[in-house]
Amino acid sequence: MTQRQLPKPADLLEYLQFKKPNLDLKANRLASALTIADLRMIAKRRTPKAAFDYTDGSAEGEISITRARQAFEDVEFHPGVLRDVANVDTTATVFGAASAMPFGIAPTGFTRLMQTEGEIAGAGAAAAAGIPFSLSTLGTSSIEDVKAANPTGRNWFQLYVMRQREISYGLVERAAAAGFETLFFTVDTPVAGARLRDKRNGFSIPPQLTPSTVINAIPRPWWWIDFLTTPKLEFASLASTGGTVGELLDSAMDPSISFEDLKVIREMWPGKLAIKGVQSLDDAKKFADFGVDGIVLSNHGGRQLDRAPIPFHLLPQVVREVGNDLDVIVDTGIMNGADIVASIALGAKFTLIGRAYLYGLMAGGRAGVDRTIAILSDEIVRTMKLLGAHSLEELTPAHVTQLERLAPRARS
């Protein structure tokens, strides 16, 4: 029989531990987020539907982004044990220079629409964390302002080759003059993908006040207050900003883009040059032969061609064929530091985060981006320790198995 007794007051006092209340609502909100998925849920509560769906959504049936995330979930790790992992080194080398973590912030368009601090929050957070920041051609902060926010850090610029070539050339010259070190030449946007959430929401740039947006704004007044009381949105390349996102992209992009355009940009650009949007081994080989410094395996976050190849699945074969000739980077679908560790183990030099960064931005501005970086960094360190890896160099394909959920059928 269990002996029972009345608790002593002194014993009860040991259990009654009250935390000092924190009246900083933003800090409390962000501290409650333990994963990127948690940040996403906070972002969804705080952001109008049209702006959130623009960030969260992808093309057509959204199959590409679903498969990309599933590919990372279908990873089996193989840890080594009895290794001293009291300290691990997460430093990555990409394009000849160091990054404190094996990930950087990807270029994202219309970023101040998600939260008014926009790219400046991203650049500042990247600077504080010692990781690279990428600015999009369709960014809402200027090249010069991003440089001011990240004056001594690593700034990269993502270029769309537009119908009016002079606009693109001018951006290349401005990025070079501002000291941006790497240029991403984007090849997966001859036309805009069919982003159906945006069409269904009637989402335009800038957002329009309609009965539905007003109703949706009622529980989110802080977003509209920020939007209406901060400087007007300014885009890095577009003089006109009216219309849906798809209409803007189609008016700016050029389906006739070719290797001749790449040659022109290569001659203009003094720094490192990488190709963003590579989706096949054959194209990876062509760009390696061309002599670029790197490629980004990416299907544009699933926002262009639906049912596109899964970048993480392409990674091993591309690294085997061209990994000695250029830096291979991967993006699309990364939601956990373990996704990044798996990518590095399979040979990627580096990774890029897009939506994960934007979820943090929508959840809490600059502090939210800091929280995104902290969550991913903690997950990377913990995963490396559990794998028994002291450094990124010790991560190898032996640590990872890509489980097959989607395997091609044999041809008859």
Protein backbone atom coordinates (compact mmCIF):
# COMPACT_ATOMS: atom_id res chain seq x y z
CA MET A 1 0.00 0.00 0.00
CA THR A 2 1.25 3.49 -0.86
CA GLN A 3 1.65 5.64 2.22
CA ARG A 4 -0.05 9.00 1.85
CA GLN A 5 0.33 12.22 3.83
CA LEU A 6 -0.67 15.83 3.67
CA PRO A 7 1.95 17.94 1.81
CA LYS A 8 4.06 20.19 3.96
CA PRO A 9 3.84 23.93 3.17
CA ALA A 10 7.61 24.08 2.70
CA ASP A 11 7.41 21.32 0.10
CA LEU A 12 4.65 23.12 -1.78
CA LEU A 13 6.76 26.27 -1.99
CA GLU A 14 9.46 24.34 -3.85
CA TYR A 15 6.95 23.52 -6.61
CA LEU A 16 5.50 27.00 -6.85
CA GLN A 17 7.96 28.66 -9.19
CA PHE A 18 6.46 31.70 -10.89
CA LYS A 19 8.18 33.30 -13.87
CA LYS A 20 8.51 37.04 -13.91
CA PRO A 21 5.86 38.28 -16.36
CA ASN A 22 7.16 39.65 -19.66
CA LEU A 23 5.02 42.46 -21.03
CA ASP A 24 6.77 42.39 -24.44
CA LEU A 25 4.04 40.75 -26.51
CA LYS A 26 6.22 40.34 -29.59
CA ALA A 27 8.99 38.66 -27.59
CA ASN A 28 6.47 36.32 -25.97
CA ARG A 29 4.93 35.52 -29.33
CA LEU A 30 8.26 34.69 -30.95
CA ALA A 31 9.57 32.78 -27.94
CA SER A 32 6.56 30.48 -28.23
CA ALA A 33 7.66 29.49 -31.74
CA LEU A 34 9.85 26.40 -31.51
CA THR A 35 9.81 25.49 -35.20
CA ILE A 36 9.42 27.20 -38.57
CA ALA A 37 5.94 25.66 -38.72
CA ASP A 38 5.13 27.54 -35.50
CA LEU A 39 6.31 30.80 -37.09
CA ARG A 40 4.13 30.03 -40.10
CA MET A 41 1.04 29.71 -37.90
CA ILE A 42 1.80 33.02 -36.17
CA ALA A 43 2.37 34.66 -39.55
CA LYS A 44 -0.97 33.36 -40.81
CA ARG A 45 -2.79 34.87 -37.84
CA ARG A 46 -1.14 38.26 -38.22
CA THR A 47 -1.10 38.76 -41.99
CA PRO A 48 -4.01 39.47 -44.36
CA LYS A 49 -5.00 36.43 -46.38
CA ALA A 50 -3.89 37.78 -49.77
CA ALA A 51 -0.40 38.70 -48.57
CA PHE A 52 0.01 35.47 -46.63
CA ASP A 53 -1.20 33.34 -49.52
CA TYR A 54 1.20 35.11 -51.89
CA THR A 55 4.04 33.98 -49.63
CA ASP A 56 2.73 30.57 -48.69
CA GLY A 57 1.33 29.51 -52.04
CA SER A 58 2.89 28.20 -55.22
CA ALA A 59 1.80 27.36 -58.75
CA GLU A 60 -1.37 25.60 -59.88
CA GLY A 61 -2.04 22.53 -57.67
CA GLU A 62 1.00 23.30 -55.48
CA ILE A 63 2.33 19.81 -56.13
CA SER A 64 5.96 20.89 -56.56
CA ILE A 65 6.33 22.50 -53.14
CA THR A 66 4.48 19.64 -51.45
CA ARG A 67 6.81 17.10 -53.02
CA ALA A 68 9.90 19.16 -52.19
CA ARG A 69 8.98 19.31 -48.51
CA GLN A 70 8.04 15.63 -48.51
CA ALA A 71 11.47 14.77 -49.93
CA PHE A 72 13.15 16.28 -46.89
CA GLU A 73 10.76 14.47 -44.56
CA ASP A 74 11.61 11.20 -46.35
CA VAL A 75 15.19 11.26 -45.08
CA GLU A 76 16.69 8.60 -42.89
CA PHE A 77 19.77 9.65 -40.94
CA HIS A 78 22.59 7.28 -39.96
CA PRO A 79 24.38 8.58 -36.86
CA GLY A 80 27.82 7.73 -35.62
CA VAL A 81 28.11 7.27 -31.86
CA LEU A 82 30.72 7.68 -29.12
CA ARG A 83 32.17 10.78 -30.71
CA ASP A 84 33.08 13.91 -28.78
CA VAL A 85 30.63 16.50 -30.10
CA ALA A 86 30.79 18.97 -27.24
CA ASN A 87 31.55 21.57 -29.91
CA VAL A 88 30.66 21.58 -33.59
CA ASP A 89 31.74 23.94 -36.35
CA THR A 90 28.88 25.08 -38.61
CA THR A 91 31.03 27.34 -40.80
CA ALA A 92 30.45 26.86 -44.52
CA THR A 93 32.57 28.08 -47.40
CA VAL A 94 30.67 29.16 -50.51
CA PHE A 95 31.93 31.20 -53.45
CA GLY A 96 35.32 31.35 -51.75
CA ALA A 97 34.23 33.00 -48.49
CA ALA A 98 32.85 31.94 -45.12
CA SER A 99 29.33 31.87 -43.75
CA ALA A 100 28.67 31.19 -40.07
CA MET A 101 25.91 28.77 -41.03
CA PRO A 102 25.38 26.62 -44.14
CA PHE A 103 22.37 28.67 -45.23
CA GLY A 104 21.64 32.17 -46.45
CA ILE A 105 18.52 34.21 -47.12
CA ALA A 106 17.08 33.65 -50.57
CA PRO A 107 15.91 36.48 -52.85
CA THR A 108 12.20 37.16 -52.42
CA GLY A 109 10.02 39.62 -54.30
CA PHE A 110 7.59 42.21 -52.91
CA THR A 111 8.95 41.55 -49.42
CA ARG A 112 7.66 44.69 -47.70
CA LEU A 113 4.16 43.53 -48.55
CA MET A 114 4.57 40.68 -46.07
CA GLN A 115 5.76 43.04 -43.33
CA THR A 116 6.90 46.62 -43.76
CA GLU A 117 10.48 46.12 -42.52
CA GLY A 118 10.99 43.88 -45.54
CA GLU A 119 14.45 43.31 -46.97
CA ILE A 120 16.06 45.67 -44.45
CA ALA A 121 15.02 43.30 -41.65
CA GLY A 122 16.42 40.37 -43.60
CA ALA A 123 19.69 42.08 -44.41
CA GLY A 124 20.16 43.24 -40.84
CA ALA A 125 19.43 39.80 -39.42
CA ALA A 126 21.80 38.18 -41.91
CA ALA A 127 24.53 40.63 -40.95
CA ALA A 128 24.06 39.86 -37.25
CA ALA A 129 24.17 36.11 -37.90
CA GLY A 130 27.13 36.21 -40.27
CA ILE A 131 25.25 34.69 -43.23
CA PRO A 132 24.64 36.02 -46.77
CA PHE A 133 21.57 38.00 -47.78
CA SER A 134 20.13 37.95 -51.31
CA LEU A 135 18.15 40.82 -52.83
CA SER A 136 15.66 40.16 -55.62
CA THR A 137 15.25 42.22 -58.76
CA LEU A 138 11.63 42.49 -57.58
CA GLY A 139 12.63 43.49 -54.07
CA THR A 140 10.99 46.42 -52.33
CA SER A 141 14.19 47.93 -50.93
CA SER A 142 16.90 49.40 -53.09
CA ILE A 143 20.32 47.92 -53.68
CA GLU A 144 21.86 50.85 -51.86
CA ASP A 145 19.57 50.58 -48.82
CA VAL A 146 20.33 46.87 -48.45
CA LYS A 147 24.03 47.65 -48.59
CA ALA A 148 23.53 50.23 -45.84
CA ALA A 149 21.70 47.64 -43.71
CA ASN A 150 24.45 45.06 -44.26
CA PRO A 151 27.54 47.19 -44.90
CA THR A 152 30.26 44.65 -44.08
CA GLY A 153 28.38 41.40 -44.64
CA ARG A 154 27.86 39.30 -47.74
CA ASN A 155 25.25 40.70 -50.14
CA TRP A 156 24.09 38.79 -53.23
CA PHE A 157 21.82 40.05 -56.03
CA GLN A 158 19.30 38.00 -57.99
CA LEU A 159 18.81 39.17 -61.58
CA TYR A 160 15.87 38.73 -63.91
CA VAL A 161 16.71 39.45 -67.54
CA MET A 162 13.84 41.69 -68.56
CA ARG A 163 12.34 42.64 -71.88
CA GLN A 164 13.97 46.04 -71.52
CA ARG A 165 17.55 44.84 -71.25
CA GLU A 166 18.77 48.28 -70.19
CA ILE A 167 16.89 47.91 -66.89
CA SER A 168 18.67 44.65 -66.12
CA TYR A 169 22.05 46.04 -67.17
CA GLY A 170 21.55 49.08 -64.96
CA LEU A 171 20.78 46.84 -61.97
CA VAL A 172 23.94 44.81 -62.60
CA GLU A 173 26.00 47.99 -62.63
CA ARG A 174 24.37 49.30 -59.43
CA ALA A 175 24.90 46.00 -57.60
CA ALA A 176 28.55 45.95 -58.63
CA ALA A 177 29.03 49.57 -57.57
CA ALA A 178 27.45 48.79 -54.17
CA GLY A 179 29.89 45.95 -53.57
CA PHE A 180 27.51 43.02 -53.95
CA GLU A 181 29.75 40.00 -54.35
CA THR A 182 27.61 37.41 -56.13
CA LEU A 183 25.01 37.61 -58.91
CA PHE A 184 22.28 35.01 -59.35
CA PHE A 185 21.31 34.80 -63.03
CA THR A 186 17.76 33.42 -62.89
CA VAL A 187 16.73 31.01 -65.63
CA ASP A 188 13.38 29.51 -64.57
CA THR A 189 11.06 32.45 -65.28
CA PRO A 190 10.56 32.93 -69.02
CA VAL A 191 6.94 33.56 -68.05
CA ALA A 192 5.10 33.69 -64.73
CA GLY A 193 3.72 30.51 -63.20
CA ALA A 194 -0.02 30.24 -62.59
CA ARG A 195 -0.30 31.26 -58.95
CA LEU A 196 -3.94 30.49 -58.41
CA ARG A 197 -4.20 31.64 -54.81
CA ASP A 198 -3.30 35.15 -55.94
CA LYS A 199 -5.92 35.10 -58.69
CA ARG A 200 -8.61 33.81 -56.37
CA ASN A 201 -7.74 36.44 -53.78
CA GLY A 202 -7.66 39.21 -56.39
CA PHE A 203 -4.18 39.99 -55.08
CA SER A 204 -2.53 42.98 -56.72
CA ILE A 205 0.54 45.15 -56.24
CA PRO A 206 -0.06 47.35 -54.31
CA PRO A 207 -2.91 45.75 -52.32
CA GLN A 208 -6.31 47.25 -53.01
CA LEU A 209 -8.94 48.06 -50.38
CA THR A 210 -11.99 46.03 -51.37
CA PRO A 211 -14.90 44.77 -49.25
CA SER A 212 -13.20 41.38 -48.81
CA THR A 213 -9.81 42.87 -47.85
CA VAL A 214 -11.46 45.25 -45.39
CA ILE A 215 -13.32 42.34 -43.74
CA ASN A 216 -10.09 40.33 -43.62
CA ALA A 217 -8.24 43.31 -42.13
CA ILE A 218 -10.57 43.76 -39.17
CA PRO A 219 -8.75 41.22 -36.93
CA ARG A 220 -5.34 42.36 -38.29
CA PRO A 221 -5.37 46.18 -38.00
CA TRP A 222 -1.65 46.34 -37.17
CA TRP A 223 -0.73 45.14 -40.69
CA TRP A 224 -2.77 47.86 -42.41
CA ILE A 225 -1.58 50.51 -39.97
CA ASP A 226 2.02 49.59 -40.79
CA PHE A 227 1.30 49.48 -44.51
CA LEU A 228 -0.51 52.82 -44.64
CA THR A 229 1.86 54.75 -42.33
CA THR A 230 5.22 53.72 -43.82
CA PRO A 231 6.91 54.91 -47.03
CA LYS A 232 5.33 53.92 -50.33
CA LEU A 233 6.56 50.65 -51.79
CA GLU A 234 9.46 51.12 -54.19
CA PHE A 235 10.63 48.31 -56.44
CA ALA A 236 14.17 47.76 -57.59
CA SER A 237 13.23 47.56 -61.26
CA LEU A 238 9.58 48.25 -62.05
CA ALA A 239 8.42 51.78 -62.76
CA SER A 240 4.79 50.62 -62.76
CA THR A 241 3.45 48.43 -59.98
CA GLY A 242 -0.22 48.05 -60.84
CA GLY A 243 -1.76 44.65 -61.50
CA THR A 244 -1.56 41.10 -60.28
CA VAL A 245 1.80 39.50 -59.55
CA GLY A 246 1.50 37.32 -62.63
CA GLU A 247 0.74 40.32 -64.85
CA LEU A 248 3.74 42.17 -63.46
CA LEU A 249 6.05 39.22 -64.04
CA ASP A 250 4.77 38.60 -67.55
CA SER A 251 5.26 42.26 -68.46
CA ALA A 252 8.81 42.25 -67.13
CA MET A 253 10.19 38.79 -68.02
CA ASP A 254 11.37 37.81 -71.48
CA PRO A 255 10.71 34.31 -72.87
CA SER A 256 13.46 34.86 -75.46
CA ILE A 257 16.24 34.82 -72.80
CA SER A 258 19.21 32.72 -73.98
CA PHE A 259 22.87 31.89 -73.45
CA GLU A 260 23.72 35.07 -75.34
CA ASP A 261 22.20 37.07 -72.50
CA LEU A 262 24.26 35.06 -70.03
CA LYS A 263 27.41 35.92 -71.96
CA VAL A 264 26.60 39.62 -71.82
CA ILE A 265 26.01 39.52 -68.07
CA ARG A 266 29.17 37.48 -67.52
CA GLU A 267 31.18 40.18 -69.26
CA MET A 268 29.51 42.93 -67.23
CA TRP A 269 29.68 41.33 -63.79
CA PRO A 270 33.01 41.50 -61.92
CA GLY A 271 32.13 39.13 -59.05
CA LYS A 272 30.97 35.55 -58.64
CA LEU A 273 28.23 34.39 -61.00
CA ALA A 274 25.73 31.62 -60.22
CA ILE A 275 22.79 30.25 -62.19
CA LYS A 276 19.55 30.02 -60.20
CA GLY A 277 16.80 27.65 -61.26
CA VAL A 278 18.72 24.66 -62.63
CA GLN A 279 16.43 21.60 -62.75
CA SER A 280 18.28 18.92 -64.70
CA LEU A 281 21.67 17.22 -64.79
CA ASP A 282 22.15 18.10 -68.48
CA ASP A 283 21.70 21.81 -67.78
CA ALA A 284 24.01 21.59 -64.77
CA LYS A 285 26.72 20.19 -67.06
CA LYS A 286 26.17 22.96 -69.61
CA PHE A 287 26.62 25.65 -67.00
CA ALA A 288 29.71 23.93 -65.60
CA ASP A 289 31.19 23.95 -69.11
CA PHE A 290 30.26 27.62 -69.43
CA GLY A 291 32.47 28.37 -66.44
CA VAL A 292 30.07 29.89 -63.92
CA ASP A 293 31.00 29.79 -60.24
CA GLY A 294 27.90 27.97 -59.01
CA ILE A 295 24.40 26.75 -59.65
CA VAL A 296 21.28 26.78 -57.50
CA LEU A 297 19.16 23.64 -57.81
CA SER A 298 15.74 25.19 -57.45
CA ASN A 299 12.24 25.03 -58.87
CA HIS A 300 11.52 28.55 -57.60
CA GLY A 301 9.81 27.29 -54.49
CA GLY A 302 7.24 25.52 -56.64
CA ARG A 303 6.03 28.89 -57.90
CA GLN A 304 6.73 28.38 -61.61
CA LEU A 305 6.31 24.92 -63.18
CA ASP A 306 4.12 22.65 -61.10
CA ARG A 307 5.26 19.00 -61.01
CA ALA A 308 8.82 20.24 -61.54
CA PRO A 309 11.80 18.08 -60.46
CA ILE A 310 12.56 17.98 -56.75
CA PRO A 311 15.87 19.84 -56.18
CA PHE A 312 16.86 17.69 -53.19
CA HIS A 313 16.42 14.53 -55.29
CA LEU A 314 18.61 15.97 -58.05
CA LEU A 315 21.37 16.93 -55.63
CA PRO A 316 23.42 13.68 -55.39
CA GLN A 317 23.77 13.09 -59.13
CA VAL A 318 24.51 16.75 -59.87
CA VAL A 319 27.20 16.87 -57.19
CA ARG A 320 28.79 13.68 -58.57
CA GLU A 321 28.98 15.14 -62.07
CA VAL A 322 29.84 18.82 -61.52
CA GLY A 323 30.53 19.27 -57.83
CA ASN A 324 34.26 19.59 -58.41
CA ASP A 325 33.76 22.29 -61.03
CA LEU A 326 31.38 24.67 -59.26
CA ASP A 327 29.51 25.28 -56.00
CA VAL A 328 26.18 23.47 -55.89
CA ILE A 329 23.49 25.18 -53.79
CA VAL A 330 20.00 23.87 -53.13
CA ASP A 331 16.73 25.55 -52.19
CA THR A 332 12.96 24.86 -52.21
CA GLY A 333 11.15 23.18 -49.35
CA ILE A 334 13.59 23.77 -46.48
CA MET A 335 11.66 24.02 -43.22
CA ASN A 336 14.08 22.53 -40.69
CA GLY A 337 17.77 22.64 -39.89
CA ALA A 338 17.83 18.89 -40.47
CA ASP A 339 16.88 19.57 -44.11
CA ILE A 340 19.99 21.73 -44.39
CA VAL A 341 22.22 19.11 -42.74
CA ALA A 342 20.91 16.43 -45.12
CA SER A 343 21.65 18.70 -48.11
CA ILE A 344 25.21 19.35 -46.96
CA ALA A 345 25.74 15.64 -46.33
CA LEU A 346 24.71 14.88 -49.92
CA GLY A 347 27.23 17.35 -51.28
CA ALA A 348 25.60 20.77 -51.39
CA LYS A 349 27.98 23.59 -50.61
CA PHE A 350 25.19 25.75 -49.28
CA THR A 351 21.43 26.18 -49.01
CA LEU A 352 18.96 29.07 -49.27
CA ILE A 353 15.81 29.72 -47.22
CA GLY A 354 12.90 31.71 -48.65
CA ARG A 355 9.53 31.03 -47.05
CA ALA A 356 11.12 30.16 -43.69
CA TYR A 357 12.58 33.66 -43.60
CA LEU A 358 9.31 35.27 -44.67
CA TYR A 359 7.29 33.40 -42.04
CA GLY A 360 9.58 34.90 -39.41
CA LEU A 361 9.29 38.34 -40.98
CA MET A 362 5.49 38.20 -40.95
CA ALA A 363 5.48 36.86 -37.39
CA GLY A 364 7.60 39.66 -35.95
CA GLY A 365 9.59 41.83 -38.34
CA ARG A 366 13.35 41.89 -37.77
CA ALA A 367 12.99 40.02 -34.48
CA GLY A 368 11.03 37.34 -36.31
CA VAL A 369 13.80 36.90 -38.88
CA ASP A 370 16.30 36.61 -36.02
CA ARG A 371 14.06 33.91 -34.57
CA THR A 372 13.99 32.02 -37.88
CA ILE A 373 17.78 32.02 -38.01
CA ALA A 374 18.03 30.96 -34.36
CA ILE A 375 15.59 28.06 -34.81
CA LEU A 376 17.37 26.73 -37.90
CA SER A 377 20.80 27.21 -36.32
CA ASP A 378 19.79 25.29 -33.19
CA GLU A 379 18.37 22.48 -35.32
CA ILE A 380 21.55 22.29 -37.38
CA VAL A 381 23.81 22.10 -34.32
CA ARG A 382 21.61 19.52 -32.59
CA THR A 383 21.35 17.34 -35.72
CA MET A 384 25.11 17.44 -36.27
CA LYS A 385 25.77 16.43 -32.66
CA LEU A 386 23.29 13.58 -32.86
CA LEU A 387 24.93 12.41 -36.09
CA GLY A 388 28.36 12.57 -34.46
CA ALA A 389 29.72 15.19 -36.90
CA HIS A 390 32.11 17.85 -35.58
CA SER A 391 32.01 19.96 -38.76
CA LEU A 392 30.21 20.23 -42.06
CA GLU A 393 33.17 18.55 -43.76
CA GLU A 394 32.49 15.40 -41.73
CA LEU A 395 28.96 15.11 -43.13
CA THR A 396 28.93 12.59 -45.99
CA PRO A 397 26.36 10.70 -48.07
CA ALA A 398 26.81 7.81 -45.64
CA HIS A 399 24.86 9.87 -43.10
CA VAL A 400 21.72 10.10 -45.29
CA THR A 401 19.36 7.84 -47.15
CA GLN A 402 16.75 9.42 -49.41
CA LEU A 403 13.73 7.17 -48.96
CA GLU A 404 11.75 6.60 -52.14
CA ARG A 405 8.12 7.64 -52.06
CA LEU A 406 8.04 8.78 -55.68
CA ALA A 407 10.02 6.41 -57.90
CA PRO A 408 9.69 6.54 -61.69
CA ARG A 409 7.88 3.65 -63.34
CA ALA A 410 9.94 1.49 -65.64
CA ARG A 411 9.36 2.30 -69.29
CA SER A 412 7.99 -0.49 -71.47
